[in-house]
Amino acid sequence: MFSKLGIYSLLGGLFMGLFSGISQFMNAKTIWVNLTLSKLLGEDKTEGIIESFSSESVQNTLDTILYDWPLFLIVVGLGLVFLVISMFVKEH
């Protein structure tokens, strides 16, 4: 199950990255250009997530992930995590 999720996440992230790159190359302002988690979740929800942690280093890390990283990088990273989990967890 984790291997399928990992493969689908990698494929989805690569396609989102491809469409984002094509849109940026063509100077088209589509949904793929500069798509981050903060744009999907909204400002209030994003700030609530960041402020729920008391440590400043965790808040800075979350701030970077939610506001600066493109969504396709997060999806690709999630796919890699699923693939690593599938290598070590035996499915029954």
N, C-alpha and C. Protein backbone atom coordinates (compact mmCIF):
# COMPACT_ATOMS: atom_id res chain seq x y z
N MET A 1 0.81 -1.18 0.00
CA MET A 1 0.00 0.00 0.00
C MET A 1 0.86 1.26 0.00
N PHE A 2 1.91 1.28 0.85
CA PHE A 2 2.77 2.45 0.89
C PHE A 2 3.53 2.65 -0.41
N SER A 3 3.88 1.54 -1.07
CA SER A 3 4.60 1.68 -2.32
C SER A 3 3.72 2.29 -3.40
N LYS A 4 2.44 1.92 -3.44
CA LYS A 4 1.52 2.52 -4.41
C LYS A 4 1.33 4.00 -4.11
N LEU A 5 1.15 4.34 -2.83
CA LEU A 5 1.01 5.75 -2.47
C LEU A 5 2.26 6.54 -2.84
N GLY A 6 3.42 5.94 -2.62
CA GLY A 6 4.66 6.60 -2.95
C GLY A 6 4.81 6.84 -4.44
N ILE A 7 4.48 5.84 -5.23
CA ILE A 7 4.59 5.98 -6.68
C ILE A 7 3.60 7.02 -7.20
N TYR A 8 2.36 6.96 -6.71
CA TYR A 8 1.36 7.94 -7.14
C TYR A 8 1.73 9.36 -6.71
N SER A 9 2.28 9.50 -5.51
CA SER A 9 2.71 10.82 -5.05
C SER A 9 3.87 11.34 -5.89
N LEU A 10 4.82 10.48 -6.20
CA LEU A 10 5.93 10.91 -7.05
C LEU A 10 5.45 11.33 -8.43
N LEU A 11 4.58 10.54 -9.03
CA LEU A 11 4.06 10.89 -10.34
C LEU A 11 3.26 12.20 -10.30
N GLY A 12 2.42 12.34 -9.29
CA GLY A 12 1.65 13.58 -9.16
C GLY A 12 2.54 14.79 -8.96
N GLY A 13 3.55 14.65 -8.12
CA GLY A 13 4.48 15.76 -7.88
C GLY A 13 5.29 16.11 -9.11
N LEU A 14 5.71 15.10 -9.86
CA LEU A 14 6.47 15.37 -11.07
C LEU A 14 5.60 16.06 -12.13
N PHE A 15 4.34 15.64 -12.27
CA PHE A 15 3.45 16.30 -13.22
C PHE A 15 3.15 17.74 -12.78
N MET A 16 2.93 17.97 -11.48
CA MET A 16 2.70 19.33 -11.02
C MET A 16 3.93 20.19 -11.26
N GLY A 17 5.13 19.64 -11.02
CA GLY A 17 6.35 20.39 -11.29
C GLY A 17 6.53 20.68 -12.77
N LEU A 18 6.19 19.71 -13.61
CA LEU A 18 6.28 19.91 -15.05
C LEU A 18 5.33 21.01 -15.51
N PHE A 19 4.08 20.97 -15.07
CA PHE A 19 3.12 22.00 -15.46
C PHE A 19 3.51 23.37 -14.90
N SER A 20 4.06 23.38 -13.69
CA SER A 20 4.51 24.65 -13.11
C SER A 20 5.67 25.23 -13.92
N GLY A 21 6.60 24.38 -14.31
CA GLY A 21 7.73 24.86 -15.12
C GLY A 21 7.29 25.36 -16.48
N ILE A 22 6.36 24.65 -17.13
CA ILE A 22 5.86 25.10 -18.42
C ILE A 22 5.12 26.43 -18.29
N SER A 23 4.32 26.57 -17.24
CA SER A 23 3.58 27.81 -17.02
C SER A 23 4.52 28.98 -16.76
N GLN A 24 5.56 28.75 -15.97
CA GLN A 24 6.52 29.82 -15.71
C GLN A 24 7.30 30.18 -16.96
N PHE A 25 7.64 29.18 -17.78
CA PHE A 25 8.36 29.43 -19.02
C PHE A 25 7.53 30.26 -19.99
N MET A 26 6.22 30.01 -20.02
CA MET A 26 5.33 30.73 -20.93
C MET A 26 4.81 32.03 -20.31
N ASN A 27 5.22 32.36 -19.10
CA ASN A 27 4.76 33.55 -18.37
C ASN A 27 3.25 33.56 -18.22
N ALA A 28 2.67 32.39 -18.04
CA ALA A 28 1.23 32.27 -17.83
C ALA A 28 0.96 32.20 -16.34
N LYS A 29 -0.03 32.92 -15.90
CA LYS A 29 -0.40 32.91 -14.49
C LYS A 29 -1.51 31.90 -14.25
N THR A 30 -1.14 30.64 -14.14
CA THR A 30 -2.10 29.59 -13.88
C THR A 30 -2.03 29.20 -12.41
N ILE A 31 -2.85 28.25 -12.03
CA ILE A 31 -2.89 27.81 -10.63
C ILE A 31 -1.58 27.14 -10.23
N TRP A 32 -0.85 26.57 -11.18
CA TRP A 32 0.36 25.82 -10.86
C TRP A 32 1.52 26.74 -10.49
N VAL A 33 1.50 27.98 -10.98
CA VAL A 33 2.61 28.89 -10.72
C VAL A 33 2.54 29.36 -9.27
N ASN A 34 3.61 29.16 -8.54
CA ASN A 34 3.73 29.59 -7.14
C ASN A 34 2.66 28.98 -6.23
N LEU A 35 2.28 27.74 -6.48
CA LEU A 35 1.30 27.07 -5.63
C LEU A 35 2.01 26.51 -4.39
N THR A 36 1.60 26.99 -3.22
CA THR A 36 2.17 26.54 -1.95
C THR A 36 1.04 26.05 -1.05
N LEU A 37 1.43 25.42 0.06
CA LEU A 37 0.42 24.96 1.01
C LEU A 37 -0.36 26.11 1.62
N SER A 38 0.28 27.26 1.81
CA SER A 38 -0.42 28.39 2.41
C SER A 38 -1.53 28.91 1.50
N LYS A 39 -1.34 28.79 0.19
CA LYS A 39 -2.40 29.22 -0.73
C LYS A 39 -3.56 28.23 -0.74
N LEU A 40 -3.28 26.96 -0.52
CA LEU A 40 -4.35 25.97 -0.46
C LEU A 40 -5.12 26.03 0.85
N LEU A 41 -4.40 26.20 1.96
CA LEU A 41 -5.04 26.19 3.27
C LEU A 41 -5.66 27.52 3.64
N GLY A 42 -5.11 28.61 3.16
CA GLY A 42 -5.56 29.94 3.55
C GLY A 42 -4.66 30.51 4.64
N GLU A 43 -4.66 31.82 4.74
CA GLU A 43 -3.76 32.51 5.67
C GLU A 43 -4.07 32.21 7.13
N ASP A 44 -5.34 32.23 7.50
CA ASP A 44 -5.72 32.02 8.90
C ASP A 44 -5.35 30.62 9.37
N LYS A 45 -5.64 29.61 8.57
CA LYS A 45 -5.34 28.23 8.92
C LYS A 45 -3.83 28.01 9.00
N THR A 46 -3.09 28.61 8.07
CA THR A 46 -1.63 28.47 8.06
C THR A 46 -1.02 29.10 9.30
N GLU A 47 -1.45 30.29 9.64
CA GLU A 47 -0.94 30.96 10.84
C GLU A 47 -1.30 30.17 12.09
N GLY A 48 -2.48 29.58 12.12
CA GLY A 48 -2.88 28.76 13.27
C GLY A 48 -1.99 27.54 13.44
N ILE A 49 -1.62 26.92 12.32
CA ILE A 49 -0.73 25.76 12.38
C ILE A 49 0.64 26.18 12.90
N ILE A 50 1.16 27.28 12.38
CA ILE A 50 2.50 27.72 12.79
C ILE A 50 2.52 28.14 14.25
N GLU A 51 1.49 28.86 14.69
CA GLU A 51 1.46 29.36 16.07
C GLU A 51 1.13 28.28 17.09
N SER A 52 0.70 27.10 16.64
CA SER A 52 0.37 26.04 17.59
C SER A 52 1.62 25.41 18.21
N PHE A 53 2.79 25.68 17.64
CA PHE A 53 4.04 25.18 18.19
C PHE A 53 4.73 26.29 18.96
N SER A 54 5.29 25.93 20.10
CA SER A 54 5.90 26.96 20.96
C SER A 54 7.36 27.22 20.62
N SER A 55 8.03 26.28 20.02
CA SER A 55 9.45 26.43 19.71
C SER A 55 9.63 27.33 18.48
N GLU A 56 10.53 28.29 18.59
CA GLU A 56 10.75 29.22 17.48
C GLU A 56 11.40 28.54 16.28
N SER A 57 12.28 27.57 16.54
CA SER A 57 12.93 26.89 15.42
C SER A 57 11.93 26.06 14.62
N VAL A 58 10.96 25.45 15.30
CA VAL A 58 9.91 24.69 14.61
C VAL A 58 9.02 25.66 13.83
N GLN A 59 8.71 26.80 14.41
CA GLN A 59 7.89 27.79 13.72
C GLN A 59 8.58 28.31 12.47
N ASN A 60 9.89 28.55 12.54
CA ASN A 60 10.63 29.02 11.37
C ASN A 60 10.66 27.96 10.28
N THR A 61 10.82 26.70 10.68
CA THR A 61 10.84 25.61 9.70
C THR A 61 9.48 25.47 9.03
N LEU A 62 8.40 25.48 9.83
CA LEU A 62 7.06 25.40 9.26
C LEU A 62 6.74 26.60 8.38
N ASP A 63 7.21 27.77 8.77
CA ASP A 63 7.00 28.97 7.97
C ASP A 63 7.63 28.81 6.60
N THR A 64 8.83 28.27 6.56
CA THR A 64 9.51 28.03 5.29
C THR A 64 8.80 27.00 4.45
N ILE A 65 8.38 25.91 5.08
CA ILE A 65 7.71 24.84 4.34
C ILE A 65 6.36 25.30 3.80
N LEU A 66 5.57 25.98 4.63
CA LEU A 66 4.22 26.34 4.23
C LEU A 66 4.16 27.53 3.27
N TYR A 67 5.11 28.47 3.38
CA TYR A 67 5.04 29.67 2.55
C TYR A 67 6.00 29.67 1.36
N ASP A 68 7.13 29.02 1.48
CA ASP A 68 8.16 29.16 0.44
C ASP A 68 8.28 27.96 -0.49
N TRP A 69 8.10 26.76 0.01
CA TRP A 69 8.29 25.57 -0.81
C TRP A 69 7.11 25.38 -1.76
N PRO A 70 7.39 25.11 -3.03
CA PRO A 70 6.29 24.79 -3.95
C PRO A 70 5.63 23.48 -3.56
N LEU A 71 4.37 23.35 -3.89
CA LEU A 71 3.60 22.17 -3.50
C LEU A 71 4.15 20.89 -4.12
N PHE A 72 4.67 20.97 -5.34
CA PHE A 72 5.15 19.76 -5.98
C PHE A 72 6.37 19.19 -5.26
N LEU A 73 7.19 20.02 -4.63
CA LEU A 73 8.31 19.51 -3.84
C LEU A 73 7.84 18.76 -2.61
N ILE A 74 6.79 19.25 -1.99
CA ILE A 74 6.24 18.59 -0.82
C ILE A 74 5.63 17.24 -1.20
N VAL A 75 4.93 17.20 -2.33
CA VAL A 75 4.32 15.95 -2.78
C VAL A 75 5.39 14.93 -3.16
N VAL A 76 6.46 15.38 -3.83
CA VAL A 76 7.56 14.48 -4.18
C VAL A 76 8.24 13.96 -2.92
N GLY A 77 8.46 14.83 -1.95
CA GLY A 77 9.06 14.41 -0.68
C GLY A 77 8.19 13.41 0.05
N LEU A 78 6.89 13.64 0.04
CA LEU A 78 5.96 12.70 0.66
C LEU A 78 6.00 11.35 -0.05
N GLY A 79 6.11 11.37 -1.36
CA GLY A 79 6.22 10.13 -2.12
C GLY A 79 7.48 9.37 -1.78
N LEU A 80 8.59 10.10 -1.61
CA LEU A 80 9.84 9.44 -1.22
C LEU A 80 9.75 8.83 0.17
N VAL A 81 9.09 9.52 1.08
CA VAL A 81 8.90 8.98 2.43
C VAL A 81 8.07 7.70 2.38
N PHE A 82 7.01 7.70 1.60
CA PHE A 82 6.19 6.49 1.47
C PHE A 82 6.98 5.34 0.87
N LEU A 83 7.83 5.63 -0.12
CA LEU A 83 8.63 4.56 -0.72
C LEU A 83 9.65 4.00 0.26
N VAL A 84 10.25 4.85 1.08
CA VAL A 84 11.20 4.37 2.09
C VAL A 84 10.48 3.52 3.13
N ILE A 85 9.30 3.95 3.54
CA ILE A 85 8.52 3.16 4.51
C ILE A 85 8.17 1.81 3.91
N SER A 86 7.80 1.79 2.63
CA SER A 86 7.42 0.52 2.01
C SER A 86 8.59 -0.44 1.88
N MET A 87 9.81 0.07 1.88
CA MET A 87 10.96 -0.82 1.82
C MET A 87 11.18 -1.56 3.13
N PHE A 88 10.79 -0.95 4.25
CA PHE A 88 11.07 -1.53 5.55
C PHE A 88 9.86 -2.15 6.23
N VAL A 89 8.67 -1.87 5.79
CA VAL A 89 7.46 -2.42 6.40
C VAL A 89 6.94 -3.53 5.50
N LYS A 90 6.81 -4.71 6.09
CA LYS A 90 6.31 -5.84 5.33
C LYS A 90 4.80 -5.80 5.33
N GLU A 91 4.22 -5.91 4.15
CA GLU A 91 2.77 -5.88 4.04
C GLU A 91 2.22 -7.29 4.23
N HIS A 92 1.12 -7.40 4.91
CA HIS A 92 0.50 -8.71 5.18
C HIS A 92 -0.69 -8.92 4.30
